[in-house]
Amino acid sequence: MTQLNLTLLVIFLSPMISILATPVEPSSLTRHKNSQTIMTYIESSCNGTLYPNLCIRCLARYAKSTINGPQHLAQYALSVSLSRAVHTRGYLLKVAKELKGNKREYPIVKDCVNQITDSVDQLSQAMKELRRLNQRGSTIDDDMLWHISNVETWVSTALTDASACVYSFPGHRMSKRMAAIKVKAMNVAEVTSNSLFLFHKYASRYRKAEAITTKKP
């Protein structure tokens, strides 16, 4: 009887021993921890933006990527802004063709197409300038500050253009299509606002360092 009980105990414990003995892949654990850390960093960085929830949702896809601080975060945020602007421009061009002949709605959509197209151009220039900035390394000089100022100017202008599109729509009595366009344009403005904030945060450390250097005798 004792031997039978011992046999049954071994049979019962064998699957548990097997599970406990199975090694956990270290790289999998590391990736999980890194993703959690990066996600926490994204959330804390987005808290200062005007649209933190939108900021977190847009950047969450990069939680498994390499983010080595505000530089990468600003780059990813600008990439999101440009992508949204390009997508919205394509949608507006399609709607504008369908609305030709509509004397009330077509002019509004046409103006909006021009404004979002300007946003696309400005954000594209900002991305190119940011790449040049990243290639320079960490040397702080007038040339670096000039690149930073260019990025800020272009992103700020892109935000102004997208916001102008939003404000061109009436606040009431809109068709469903016009309301949908306004929402898309507003989304471009909001993600661009967030990306501008995150770039300001990235650039601020260089401006502070430059200010300290300038004060030195």
Protein backbone atom coordinates (compact mmCIF):
# COMPACT_ATOMS: atom_id res chain seq x y z
CA MET A 1 0.00 0.00 0.00
CA THR A 2 2.83 2.38 0.85
CA GLN A 3 4.56 1.55 -2.42
CA LEU A 4 1.30 2.22 -4.33
CA ASN A 5 0.86 5.60 -2.66
CA LEU A 6 4.46 6.50 -3.47
CA THR A 7 3.94 5.52 -7.11
CA LEU A 8 0.78 7.64 -7.34
CA LEU A 9 2.62 10.60 -5.78
CA VAL A 10 5.41 10.35 -8.35
CA ILE A 11 2.87 10.17 -11.19
CA PHE A 12 1.05 13.23 -9.81
CA LEU A 13 4.18 15.32 -9.35
CA SER A 14 5.91 14.41 -12.61
CA PRO A 15 4.06 16.98 -14.81
CA MET A 16 4.71 19.73 -12.25
CA ILE A 17 8.40 18.85 -12.05
CA SER A 18 8.57 18.90 -15.84
CA ILE A 19 6.99 22.36 -16.00
CA LEU A 20 9.29 23.77 -13.33
CA ALA A 21 12.30 22.27 -15.01
CA THR A 22 11.50 23.80 -18.39
CA PRO A 23 13.89 26.72 -18.87
CA VAL A 24 12.41 30.16 -19.63
CA GLU A 25 14.04 31.79 -22.60
CA PRO A 26 16.09 34.72 -21.18
CA SER A 27 15.73 36.85 -24.29
CA SER A 28 11.94 36.60 -24.05
CA LEU A 29 12.00 37.79 -20.45
CA THR A 30 14.38 40.60 -21.34
CA ARG A 31 12.21 41.76 -24.21
CA HIS A 32 9.16 41.80 -21.96
CA LYS A 33 10.93 43.85 -19.29
CA ASN A 34 12.35 46.25 -21.87
CA SER A 35 8.91 46.73 -23.42
CA GLN A 36 7.45 47.53 -20.01
CA THR A 37 10.24 50.01 -19.29
CA ILE A 38 9.86 51.72 -22.67
CA MET A 39 6.08 51.85 -22.29
CA THR A 40 6.48 53.52 -18.88
CA TYR A 41 8.85 56.04 -20.45
CA ILE A 42 6.39 56.75 -23.28
CA GLU A 43 3.56 57.32 -20.80
CA SER A 44 5.61 59.68 -18.63
CA SER A 45 6.80 61.63 -21.69
CA CYS A 46 3.28 61.95 -23.09
CA ASN A 47 1.88 63.29 -19.83
CA GLY A 48 3.04 66.81 -20.66
CA THR A 49 1.36 66.93 -24.06
CA LEU A 50 -2.04 68.47 -24.77
CA TYR A 51 -3.40 65.08 -25.86
CA PRO A 52 -1.65 62.50 -23.65
CA ASN A 53 -3.97 59.56 -24.35
CA LEU A 54 -3.61 60.03 -28.11
CA CYS A 55 0.15 60.39 -27.67
CA ILE A 56 0.38 57.10 -25.76
CA ARG A 57 -1.80 55.25 -28.27
CA CYS A 58 0.27 56.46 -31.22
CA LEU A 59 3.64 55.66 -29.65
CA ALA A 60 2.68 52.37 -27.98
CA ARG A 61 3.52 50.53 -31.22
CA TYR A 62 7.16 51.49 -30.65
CA ALA A 63 7.35 49.94 -27.17
CA LYS A 64 9.21 46.96 -28.63
CA SER A 65 11.60 49.19 -30.57
CA THR A 66 14.80 50.86 -29.43
CA ILE A 67 14.07 54.16 -27.71
CA ASN A 68 17.20 55.71 -26.24
CA GLY A 69 15.60 58.85 -24.91
CA PRO A 70 13.78 61.95 -26.20
CA GLN A 71 15.61 61.90 -29.55
CA HIS A 72 14.04 58.61 -30.67
CA LEU A 73 10.68 59.55 -29.17
CA ALA A 74 10.60 62.85 -31.07
CA GLN A 75 11.54 61.05 -34.27
CA TYR A 76 8.78 58.46 -33.87
CA ALA A 77 6.23 61.15 -33.00
CA LEU A 78 7.11 63.14 -36.12
CA SER A 79 6.84 59.96 -38.17
CA VAL A 80 3.31 59.42 -36.84
CA SER A 81 2.36 63.02 -37.67
CA LEU A 82 3.65 62.74 -41.21
CA SER A 83 1.88 59.41 -41.74
CA ARG A 84 -1.45 60.80 -40.51
CA ALA A 85 -1.07 63.92 -42.66
CA VAL A 86 -0.29 61.89 -45.80
CA HIS A 87 -3.25 59.57 -45.18
CA THR A 88 -5.60 62.51 -44.58
CA ARG A 89 -4.41 64.31 -47.71
CA GLY A 90 -5.18 61.21 -49.80
CA TYR A 91 -8.66 61.01 -48.29
CA LEU A 92 -9.31 64.71 -48.91
CA LEU A 93 -8.19 64.51 -52.54
CA LYS A 94 -10.64 61.67 -53.11
CA VAL A 95 -13.51 63.55 -51.46
CA ALA A 96 -12.69 66.77 -53.34
CA LYS A 97 -13.12 64.96 -56.66
CA GLU A 98 -16.50 63.61 -55.56
CA LEU A 99 -17.69 67.03 -54.37
CA LYS A 100 -16.89 68.99 -57.54
CA GLY A 101 -19.99 70.98 -58.38
CA ASN A 102 -21.07 71.27 -54.74
CA LYS A 103 -20.83 75.04 -54.31
CA ARG A 104 -21.06 74.95 -50.51
CA GLU A 105 -18.78 72.07 -49.53
CA TYR A 106 -16.24 71.85 -52.36
CA PRO A 107 -14.46 75.20 -51.64
CA ILE A 108 -14.02 74.24 -47.97
CA VAL A 109 -12.61 70.82 -48.82
CA LYS A 110 -10.37 72.30 -51.54
CA ASP A 111 -8.88 74.80 -49.08
CA CYS A 112 -8.42 72.00 -46.56
CA VAL A 113 -6.58 69.91 -49.18
CA ASN A 114 -4.15 72.77 -49.71
CA GLN A 115 -3.59 73.25 -45.99
CA ILE A 116 -3.01 69.56 -45.25
CA THR A 117 -0.73 69.33 -48.30
CA ASP A 118 1.30 72.17 -46.80
CA SER A 119 1.41 70.22 -43.51
CA VAL A 120 2.75 67.17 -45.35
CA ASP A 121 5.47 69.28 -46.97
CA GLN A 122 6.44 70.93 -43.70
CA LEU A 123 6.56 67.66 -41.77
CA SER A 124 8.62 66.05 -44.54
CA GLN A 125 11.13 68.88 -44.27
CA ALA A 126 11.17 68.53 -40.48
CA MET A 127 11.92 64.81 -40.75
CA LYS A 128 14.80 65.45 -43.17
CA GLU A 129 16.20 68.14 -40.91
CA LEU A 130 15.93 65.89 -37.87
CA ARG A 131 17.91 63.19 -39.69
CA ARG A 132 20.63 65.74 -40.44
CA LEU A 133 20.56 66.77 -36.80
CA ASN A 134 20.93 63.18 -35.62
CA GLN A 135 23.91 62.65 -37.93
CA ARG A 136 25.81 65.52 -36.36
CA GLY A 137 26.40 63.78 -33.05
CA SER A 138 26.25 65.61 -29.70
CA THR A 139 28.47 68.62 -30.46
CA ILE A 140 26.58 71.76 -29.47
CA ASP A 141 27.22 74.73 -31.74
CA ASP A 142 25.35 77.36 -33.75
CA ASP A 143 24.87 74.94 -36.63
CA MET A 144 23.11 72.40 -34.40
CA LEU A 145 20.87 75.08 -32.90
CA TRP A 146 20.05 76.23 -36.43
CA HIS A 147 18.89 72.71 -37.35
CA ILE A 148 16.81 72.55 -34.17
CA SER A 149 15.18 75.90 -34.95
CA ASN A 150 14.34 74.71 -38.47
CA VAL A 151 12.59 71.58 -37.19
CA GLU A 152 10.58 73.58 -34.67
CA THR A 153 9.57 76.13 -37.30
CA TRP A 154 8.43 73.50 -39.79
CA VAL A 155 6.47 71.44 -37.25
CA SER A 156 4.88 74.59 -35.82
CA THR A 157 3.85 75.70 -39.32
CA ALA A 158 2.45 72.23 -40.06
CA LEU A 159 0.36 72.51 -36.89
CA THR A 160 -0.91 75.94 -37.96
CA ASP A 161 -1.92 74.63 -41.39
CA ALA A 162 -3.74 71.59 -39.99
CA SER A 163 -5.52 73.76 -37.41
CA ALA A 164 -6.59 76.19 -40.14
CA CYS A 165 -8.23 73.27 -41.95
CA VAL A 166 -10.13 72.33 -38.79
CA TYR A 167 -11.34 75.89 -38.20
CA SER A 168 -12.57 76.24 -41.78
CA PHE A 169 -15.46 73.87 -41.10
CA PRO A 170 -18.69 75.22 -39.62
CA GLY A 171 -19.46 74.18 -36.10
CA HIS A 172 -22.97 72.96 -36.89
CA ARG A 173 -25.19 71.63 -39.66
CA MET A 174 -22.44 69.64 -41.32
CA SER A 175 -22.99 66.57 -43.44
CA LYS A 176 -21.56 63.29 -42.16
CA ARG A 177 -18.82 63.47 -44.77
CA MET A 178 -17.76 66.99 -43.74
CA ALA A 179 -17.83 65.99 -40.08
CA ALA A 180 -15.57 63.01 -40.88
CA ILE A 181 -13.11 65.29 -42.71
CA LYS A 182 -13.01 67.66 -39.75
CA VAL A 183 -12.25 64.77 -37.38
CA LYS A 184 -9.39 63.58 -39.61
CA ALA A 185 -7.91 67.07 -39.88
CA MET A 186 -8.24 67.52 -36.13
CA ASN A 187 -6.36 64.26 -35.61
CA VAL A 188 -3.49 65.56 -37.76
CA ALA A 189 -3.40 68.77 -35.72
CA GLU A 190 -3.45 66.90 -32.41
CA VAL A 191 -0.67 64.41 -33.23
CA THR A 192 1.40 67.28 -34.65
CA SER A 193 0.89 69.25 -31.46
CA ASN A 194 2.14 66.25 -29.48
CA SER A 195 5.16 65.78 -31.73
CA LEU A 196 6.06 69.47 -31.39
CA PHE A 197 5.99 69.16 -27.60
CA LEU A 198 8.18 66.04 -27.65
CA PHE A 199 10.66 67.71 -30.00
CA HIS A 200 10.79 70.78 -27.73
CA LYS A 201 11.60 68.40 -24.87
CA TYR A 202 14.39 66.81 -26.92
CA ALA A 203 15.80 70.19 -28.00
CA SER A 204 15.63 71.78 -24.56
CA ARG A 205 18.66 69.89 -23.23
CA TYR A 206 20.83 71.31 -26.03
CA ARG A 207 19.58 74.82 -25.42
CA LYS A 208 20.26 74.49 -21.70
CA ALA A 209 23.75 73.16 -22.38
CA GLU A 210 24.39 75.99 -24.85
CA ALA A 211 23.18 78.55 -22.31
CA ILE A 212 25.56 77.15 -19.66
CA THR A 213 28.47 77.21 -22.13
CA THR A 214 27.69 80.80 -23.12
CA LYS A 215 27.71 81.97 -19.47
CA LYS A 216 31.16 80.50 -18.83
CA PRO A 217 33.88 83.21 -18.73
